[in-house]
């Protein structure tokens, strides 16, 4: 009987040690992923600020298409680098679904930027056409006829970008759900979650004043 109890106790020690190791691995993975998400968020915010100025340039009709495309490609390359970083992380078995959703989310973001680049060429073509019409209104009908193809291409790309954005949102929602599942299972509080809780507490406190 004593031997059986000792054996059971040993099994419990091994089991607990295994659970602790699994929690450590999941915690480390979530920390890496959270840092990566923050980096991707930073890239997106920088791009949004940069694109705000570019949209004004494009609207004015005076813009350097090649410079804008190079800038967009630079953002896409940074996102691709972050995707490669995530691909190289050691992934705990229970985080496989989260890893898959995150990689798909990152890849979709890169693809959206890839689709955006040819839109700049089309915008430039349409801008040049507008200048020609302004310089010689008599050519307006012929120029607009030639621009129909460009307009169709632009609409097709915009449709594709919208579809990709929708897919990206689905992957993001899946990733968030998987993260929550892991945090709940292992009792992990991430930096982002802790910050959100503090903000919520502060908001609740101010509401009672």
C-alpha atoms as a PDB file:
ATOM      1  CA  UNK A   1       0.000   0.000   0.000  1.00  0.00           C
ATOM      2  CA  UNK A   2       2.812   2.367   0.919  1.00  0.00           C
ATOM      3  CA  UNK A   3       4.486   1.674  -2.433  1.00  0.00           C
ATOM      4  CA  UNK A   4       1.264   2.458  -4.277  1.00  0.00           C
ATOM      5  CA  UNK A   5       0.865   5.755  -2.415  1.00  0.00           C
ATOM      6  CA  UNK A   6       4.478   6.672  -3.149  1.00  0.00           C
ATOM      7  CA  UNK A   7       3.959   5.877  -6.821  1.00  0.00           C
ATOM      8  CA  UNK A   8       0.770   7.997  -6.964  1.00  0.00           C
ATOM      9  CA  UNK A   9       2.591  10.863  -5.212  1.00  0.00           C
ATOM     10  CA  UNK A  10       5.396  10.638  -7.769  1.00  0.00           C
ATOM     11  CA  UNK A  11       2.893  10.750 -10.614  1.00  0.00           C
ATOM     12  CA  UNK A  12       1.299  13.856  -9.100  1.00  0.00           C
ATOM     13  CA  UNK A  13       4.685  15.564  -8.825  1.00  0.00           C
ATOM     14  CA  UNK A  14       5.453  14.776 -12.470  1.00  0.00           C
ATOM     15  CA  UNK A  15       1.988  15.954 -13.535  1.00  0.00           C
ATOM     16  CA  UNK A  16       2.234  19.247 -11.651  1.00  0.00           C
ATOM     17  CA  UNK A  17       5.745  19.844 -12.989  1.00  0.00           C
ATOM     18  CA  UNK A  18       4.465  19.230 -16.500  1.00  0.00           C
ATOM     19  CA  UNK A  19       1.560  21.648 -15.987  1.00  0.00           C
ATOM     20  CA  UNK A  20       3.904  24.331 -14.662  1.00  0.00           C
ATOM     21  CA  UNK A  21       6.222  23.877 -17.626  1.00  0.00           C
ATOM     22  CA  UNK A  22       3.285  24.086 -20.042  1.00  0.00           C
ATOM     23  CA  UNK A  23       2.043  27.274 -18.366  1.00  0.00           C
ATOM     24  CA  UNK A  24       5.535  28.782 -18.607  1.00  0.00           C
ATOM     25  CA  UNK A  25       5.751  27.919 -22.305  1.00  0.00           C
ATOM     26  CA  UNK A  26       2.285  29.349 -23.021  1.00  0.00           C
ATOM     27  CA  UNK A  27       3.036  32.487 -20.978  1.00  0.00           C
ATOM     28  CA  UNK A  28       6.306  33.100 -22.829  1.00  0.00           C
ATOM     29  CA  UNK A  29       4.584  32.557 -26.169  1.00  0.00           C
ATOM     30  CA  UNK A  30       1.760  34.986 -25.322  1.00  0.00           C
ATOM     31  CA  UNK A  31       4.303  37.612 -24.228  1.00  0.00           C
ATOM     32  CA  UNK A  32       6.142  37.296 -27.540  1.00  0.00           C
ATOM     33  CA  UNK A  33       2.880  37.453 -29.442  1.00  0.00           C
ATOM     34  CA  UNK A  34       1.678  40.483 -27.502  1.00  0.00           C
ATOM     35  CA  UNK A  35       4.931  42.333 -28.253  1.00  0.00           C
ATOM     36  CA  UNK A  36       4.548  41.412 -31.930  1.00  0.00           C
ATOM     37  CA  UNK A  37       0.929  42.612 -31.996  1.00  0.00           C
ATOM     38  CA  UNK A  38       2.032  45.936 -30.504  1.00  0.00           C
ATOM     39  CA  UNK A  39       4.731  46.227 -33.163  1.00  0.00           C
ATOM     40  CA  UNK A  40       2.250  45.519 -35.952  1.00  0.00           C
ATOM     41  CA  UNK A  41      -0.119  48.067 -34.436  1.00  0.00           C
ATOM     42  CA  UNK A  42       2.692  50.626 -34.415  1.00  0.00           C
ATOM     43  CA  UNK A  43       3.490  49.942 -38.072  1.00  0.00           C
ATOM     44  CA  UNK A  44      -0.191  50.351 -38.987  1.00  0.00           C
ATOM     45  CA  UNK A  45      -0.454  53.628 -37.053  1.00  0.00           C
ATOM     46  CA  UNK A  46       2.686  55.017 -38.694  1.00  0.00           C
ATOM     47  CA  UNK A  47       1.356  54.004 -42.083  1.00  0.00           C
ATOM     48  CA  UNK A  48      -2.009  55.639 -41.371  1.00  0.00           C
ATOM     49  CA  UNK A  49      -0.305  58.919 -40.454  1.00  0.00           C
ATOM     50  CA  UNK A  50       1.871  58.733 -43.537  1.00  0.00           C
ATOM     51  CA  UNK A  51      -1.042  57.847 -45.814  1.00  0.00           C
ATOM     52  CA  UNK A  52      -3.034  60.822 -44.497  1.00  0.00           C
ATOM     53  CA  UNK A  53      -0.558  63.205 -46.076  1.00  0.00           C
ATOM     54  CA  UNK A  54      -0.271  61.109 -49.211  1.00  0.00           C
ATOM     55  CA  UNK A  55      -4.032  61.148 -49.762  1.00  0.00           C
ATOM     56  CA  UNK A  56      -3.918  64.936 -49.912  1.00  0.00           C
ATOM     57  CA  UNK A  57      -1.082  64.771 -52.435  1.00  0.00           C
ATOM     58  CA  UNK A  58      -2.991  62.265 -54.567  1.00  0.00           C
ATOM     59  CA  UNK A  59      -6.164  64.371 -54.400  1.00  0.00           C
ATOM     60  CA  UNK A  60      -4.222  67.400 -55.633  1.00  0.00           C
ATOM     61  CA  UNK A  61      -2.976  65.400 -58.619  1.00  0.00           C
ATOM     62  CA  UNK A  62       0.651  66.306 -57.960  1.00  0.00           C
ATOM     63  CA  UNK A  63       2.381  63.293 -56.465  1.00  0.00           C
ATOM     64  CA  UNK A  64       5.351  61.024 -57.009  1.00  0.00           C
ATOM     65  CA  UNK A  65       3.805  57.609 -57.641  1.00  0.00           C
ATOM     66  CA  UNK A  66       7.110  55.741 -57.373  1.00  0.00           C
ATOM     67  CA  UNK A  67       7.953  57.354 -54.029  1.00  0.00           C
ATOM     68  CA  UNK A  68       4.532  56.506 -52.621  1.00  0.00           C
ATOM     69  CA  UNK A  69       4.754  52.889 -53.821  1.00  0.00           C
ATOM     70  CA  UNK A  70       8.204  52.570 -52.274  1.00  0.00           C
ATOM     71  CA  UNK A  71       6.841  53.843 -48.977  1.00  0.00           C
ATOM     72  CA  UNK A  72       3.942  51.381 -49.013  1.00  0.00           C
ATOM     73  CA  UNK A  73       6.338  48.554 -49.879  1.00  0.00           C
ATOM     74  CA  UNK A  74       8.509  49.540 -46.927  1.00  0.00           C
ATOM     75  CA  UNK A  75       5.553  49.113 -44.576  1.00  0.00           C
ATOM     76  CA  UNK A  76       4.694  45.779 -46.218  1.00  0.00           C
ATOM     77  CA  UNK A  77       8.287  44.585 -45.761  1.00  0.00           C
ATOM     78  CA  UNK A  78       8.194  45.477 -42.044  1.00  0.00           C
ATOM     79  CA  UNK A  79       4.989  43.482 -41.625  1.00  0.00           C
ATOM     80  CA  UNK A  80       6.502  40.563 -43.523  1.00  0.00           C
ATOM     81  CA  UNK A  81       9.517  40.637 -41.213  1.00  0.00           C
ATOM     82  CA  UNK A  82       7.229  40.477 -38.194  1.00  0.00           C
ATOM     83  CA  UNK A  83       5.359  37.526 -39.733  1.00  0.00           C
ATOM     84  CA  UNK A  84       8.689  35.746 -40.228  1.00  0.00           C
ATOM     85  CA  UNK A  85       9.558  36.447 -36.583  1.00  0.00           C
ATOM     86  CA  UNK A  86       6.306  34.855 -35.404  1.00  0.00           C
ATOM     87  CA  UNK A  87       6.879  31.848 -37.670  1.00  0.00           C
ATOM     88  CA  UNK A  88      10.172  31.245 -35.845  1.00  0.00           C
ATOM     89  CA  UNK A  89       8.675  31.162 -32.344  1.00  0.00           C
ATOM     90  CA  UNK A  90       8.435  27.891 -30.400  1.00  0.00           C
ATOM     91  CA  UNK A  91       4.697  27.203 -30.296  1.00  0.00           C
ATOM     92  CA  UNK A  92       3.104  25.249 -27.429  1.00  0.00           C
ATOM     93  CA  UNK A  93       0.690  22.549 -28.595  1.00  0.00           C
ATOM     94  CA  UNK A  94      -2.335  24.352 -27.160  1.00  0.00           C
ATOM     95  CA  UNK A  95      -1.357  27.581 -28.951  1.00  0.00           C
ATOM     96  CA  UNK A  96      -1.260  26.052 -32.448  1.00  0.00           C
ATOM     97  CA  UNK A  97      -4.687  27.456 -33.390  1.00  0.00           C
ATOM     98  CA  UNK A  98      -3.638  30.899 -32.155  1.00  0.00           C
ATOM     99  CA  UNK A  99      -0.409  30.723 -34.142  1.00  0.00           C
ATOM    100  CA  UNK A 100      -2.278  29.779 -37.324  1.00  0.00           C
ATOM    101  CA  UNK A 101      -4.830  32.596 -36.940  1.00  0.00           C
ATOM    102  CA  UNK A 102      -2.092  35.151 -36.204  1.00  0.00           C
ATOM    103  CA  UNK A 103      -0.017  34.189 -39.229  1.00  0.00           C
ATOM    104  CA  UNK A 104      -3.077  34.390 -41.479  1.00  0.00           C
ATOM    105  CA  UNK A 105      -3.922  37.795 -40.005  1.00  0.00           C
ATOM    106  CA  UNK A 106      -0.395  39.086 -40.668  1.00  0.00           C
ATOM    107  CA  UNK A 107      -0.309  37.618 -44.173  1.00  0.00           C
ATOM    108  CA  UNK A 108      -3.622  39.274 -45.015  1.00  0.00           C
ATOM    109  CA  UNK A 109      -2.268  42.649 -43.873  1.00  0.00           C
ATOM    110  CA  UNK A 110       0.729  42.207 -46.184  1.00  0.00           C
ATOM    111  CA  UNK A 111      -1.550  41.230 -49.075  1.00  0.00           C
ATOM    112  CA  UNK A 112      -3.721  44.314 -48.546  1.00  0.00           C
ATOM    113  CA  UNK A 113      -0.665  46.526 -48.956  1.00  0.00           C
ATOM    114  CA  UNK A 114       0.399  44.527 -51.992  1.00  0.00           C
ATOM    115  CA  UNK A 115      -2.968  45.211 -53.617  1.00  0.00           C
ATOM    116  CA  UNK A 116      -2.703  48.910 -52.722  1.00  0.00           C
ATOM    117  CA  UNK A 117       0.472  49.461 -54.749  1.00  0.00           C
ATOM    118  CA  UNK A 118      -1.105  49.043 -58.241  1.00  0.00           C
ATOM    119  CA  UNK A 119      -3.874  51.424 -57.138  1.00  0.00           C
ATOM    120  CA  UNK A 120      -1.244  54.179 -57.001  1.00  0.00           C
ATOM    121  CA  UNK A 121      -0.345  53.591 -60.662  1.00  0.00           C
ATOM    122  CA  UNK A 122      -4.002  53.786 -61.631  1.00  0.00           C
ATOM    123  CA  UNK A 123      -4.494  56.938 -59.554  1.00  0.00           C
ATOM    124  CA  UNK A 124      -1.506  58.499 -61.318  1.00  0.00           C
ATOM    125  CA  UNK A 125      -2.916  57.555 -64.713  1.00  0.00           C
ATOM    126  CA  UNK A 126      -6.278  59.076 -63.835  1.00  0.00           C
ATOM    127  CA  UNK A 127      -4.590  62.197 -62.465  1.00  0.00           C
ATOM    128  CA  UNK A 128      -2.679  62.678 -65.703  1.00  0.00           C
ATOM    129  CA  UNK A 129      -5.911  62.197 -67.656  1.00  0.00           C
ATOM    130  CA  UNK A 130      -7.600  64.908 -65.589  1.00  0.00           C
ATOM    131  CA  UNK A 131      -4.748  67.284 -66.370  1.00  0.00           C
ATOM    132  CA  UNK A 132      -5.069  66.564 -70.092  1.00  0.00           C
ATOM    133  CA  UNK A 133      -8.802  67.274 -70.003  1.00  0.00           C
ATOM    134  CA  UNK A 134      -8.188  70.521 -68.149  1.00  0.00           C
ATOM    135  CA  UNK A 135      -5.577  71.559 -70.706  1.00  0.00           C
ATOM    136  CA  UNK A 136      -7.788  70.619 -73.689  1.00  0.00           C
ATOM    137  CA  UNK A 137     -11.486  70.011 -72.861  1.00  0.00           C
ATOM    138  CA  UNK A 138     -12.144  68.939 -76.434  1.00  0.00           C
ATOM    139  CA  UNK A 139     -10.291  65.687 -75.697  1.00  0.00           C
ATOM    140  CA  UNK A 140     -12.459  64.900 -72.680  1.00  0.00           C
ATOM    141  CA  UNK A 141     -14.692  62.310 -74.382  1.00  0.00           C
ATOM    142  CA  UNK A 142     -11.801  60.315 -75.854  1.00  0.00           C
ATOM    143  CA  UNK A 143      -9.768  60.472 -72.654  1.00  0.00           C
ATOM    144  CA  UNK A 144     -12.700  59.399 -70.470  1.00  0.00           C
ATOM    145  CA  UNK A 145     -13.347  56.490 -72.812  1.00  0.00           C
ATOM    146  CA  UNK A 146      -9.741  55.369 -72.386  1.00  0.00           C
ATOM    147  CA  UNK A 147     -10.062  55.739 -68.616  1.00  0.00           C
ATOM    148  CA  UNK A 148     -12.942  53.251 -68.365  1.00  0.00           C
ATOM    149  CA  UNK A 149     -10.516  50.341 -68.197  1.00  0.00           C
ATOM    150  CA  UNK A 150      -8.529  52.035 -65.452  1.00  0.00           C
ATOM    151  CA  UNK A 151     -11.702  52.750 -63.481  1.00  0.00           C
ATOM    152  CA  UNK A 152     -12.771  49.104 -63.788  1.00  0.00           C
ATOM    153  CA  UNK A 153      -9.362  47.945 -62.591  1.00  0.00           C
ATOM    154  CA  UNK A 154      -9.542  50.319 -59.636  1.00  0.00           C
ATOM    155  CA  UNK A 155     -12.991  49.008 -58.658  1.00  0.00           C
ATOM    156  CA  UNK A 156     -11.794  45.401 -58.871  1.00  0.00           C
ATOM    157  CA  UNK A 157      -8.793  46.133 -56.667  1.00  0.00           C
ATOM    158  CA  UNK A 158     -10.944  48.020 -54.147  1.00  0.00           C
ATOM    159  CA  UNK A 159     -13.291  45.026 -54.010  1.00  0.00           C
ATOM    160  CA  UNK A 160     -10.345  42.668 -53.425  1.00  0.00           C
ATOM    161  CA  UNK A 161      -8.942  44.920 -50.685  1.00  0.00           C
ATOM    162  CA  UNK A 162     -12.356  45.012 -48.971  1.00  0.00           C
ATOM    163  CA  UNK A 163     -12.551  41.198 -49.096  1.00  0.00           C
ATOM    164  CA  UNK A 164      -9.050  40.858 -47.660  1.00  0.00           C
ATOM    165  CA  UNK A 165      -9.857  43.356 -44.922  1.00  0.00           C
ATOM    166  CA  UNK A 166     -12.919  41.289 -44.011  1.00  0.00           C
ATOM    167  CA  UNK A 167     -10.831  38.113 -43.861  1.00  0.00           C
ATOM    168  CA  UNK A 168      -8.225  39.892 -41.765  1.00  0.00           C
ATOM    169  CA  UNK A 169     -10.901  40.920 -39.254  1.00  0.00           C
ATOM    170  CA  UNK A 170     -12.103  37.329 -39.003  1.00  0.00           C
ATOM    171  CA  UNK A 171      -8.558  36.092 -38.353  1.00  0.00           C
ATOM    172  CA  UNK A 172      -8.061  38.838 -35.768  1.00  0.00           C
ATOM    173  CA  UNK A 173     -11.271  37.868 -33.955  1.00  0.00           C
ATOM    174  CA  UNK A 174     -10.216  34.199 -33.995  1.00  0.00           C
ATOM    175  CA  UNK A 175      -6.780  35.077 -32.615  1.00  0.00           C
ATOM    176  CA  UNK A 176      -8.306  37.172 -29.814  1.00  0.00           C
ATOM    177  CA  UNK A 177     -10.678  34.329 -28.895  1.00  0.00           C
ATOM    178  CA  UNK A 178      -7.791  31.827 -28.813  1.00  0.00           C
ATOM    179  CA  UNK A 179      -5.701  34.173 -26.659  1.00  0.00           C
ATOM    180  CA  UNK A 180      -8.566  34.566 -24.196  1.00  0.00           C
ATOM    181  CA  UNK A 181      -9.045  30.803 -24.068  1.00  0.00           C
ATOM    182  CA  UNK A 182      -5.372  30.294 -23.154  1.00  0.00           C
ATOM    183  CA  UNK A 183      -5.357  33.121 -20.595  1.00  0.00           C
ATOM    184  CA  UNK A 184      -8.460  31.715 -18.918  1.00  0.00           C
ATOM    185  CA  UNK A 185      -7.153  28.139 -18.892  1.00  0.00           C
ATOM    186  CA  UNK A 186      -3.753  29.001 -17.430  1.00  0.00           C
ATOM    187  CA  UNK A 187      -4.724  32.055 -15.376  1.00  0.00           C
ATOM    188  CA  UNK A 188      -2.443  34.372 -17.341  1.00  0.00           C
ATOM    189  CA  UNK A 189      -2.797  38.148 -17.256  1.00  0.00           C
ATOM    190  CA  UNK A 190      -1.029  39.867 -20.142  1.00  0.00           C
ATOM    191  CA  UNK A 191       0.293  43.423 -20.147  1.00  0.00           C
ATOM    192  CA  UNK A 192      -2.465  44.592 -22.486  1.00  0.00           C
ATOM    193  CA  UNK A 193      -5.190  42.910 -20.443  1.00  0.00           C
ATOM    194  CA  UNK A 194      -3.822  44.406 -17.214  1.00  0.00           C
ATOM    195  CA  UNK A 195      -3.797  47.888 -18.764  1.00  0.00           C
ATOM    196  CA  UNK A 196      -7.356  47.466 -20.019  1.00  0.00           C
ATOM    197  CA  UNK A 197      -8.505  46.345 -16.564  1.00  0.00           C
ATOM    198  CA  UNK A 198      -6.914  49.377 -14.905  1.00  0.00           C
ATOM    199  CA  UNK A 199      -8.526  51.678 -17.462  1.00  0.00           C
ATOM    200  CA  UNK A 200     -11.882  50.015 -16.825  1.00  0.00           C
ATOM    201  CA  UNK A 201     -11.479  50.378 -13.050  1.00  0.00           C
ATOM    202  CA  UNK A 202     -10.586  54.050 -13.419  1.00  0.00           C
ATOM    203  CA  UNK A 203     -13.594  54.639 -15.664  1.00  0.00           C
ATOM    204  CA  UNK A 204     -15.890  52.860 -13.197  1.00  0.00           C
ATOM    205  CA  UNK A 205     -14.465  54.898 -10.309  1.00  0.00           C
ATOM    206  CA  UNK A 206     -14.995  58.187 -12.146  1.00  0.00           C
ATOM    207  CA  UNK A 207     -18.550  57.163 -12.920  1.00  0.00           C
ATOM    208  CA  UNK A 208     -19.387  56.749  -9.237  1.00  0.00           C
ATOM    209  CA  UNK A 209     -18.062  60.189  -8.266  1.00  0.00           C
END
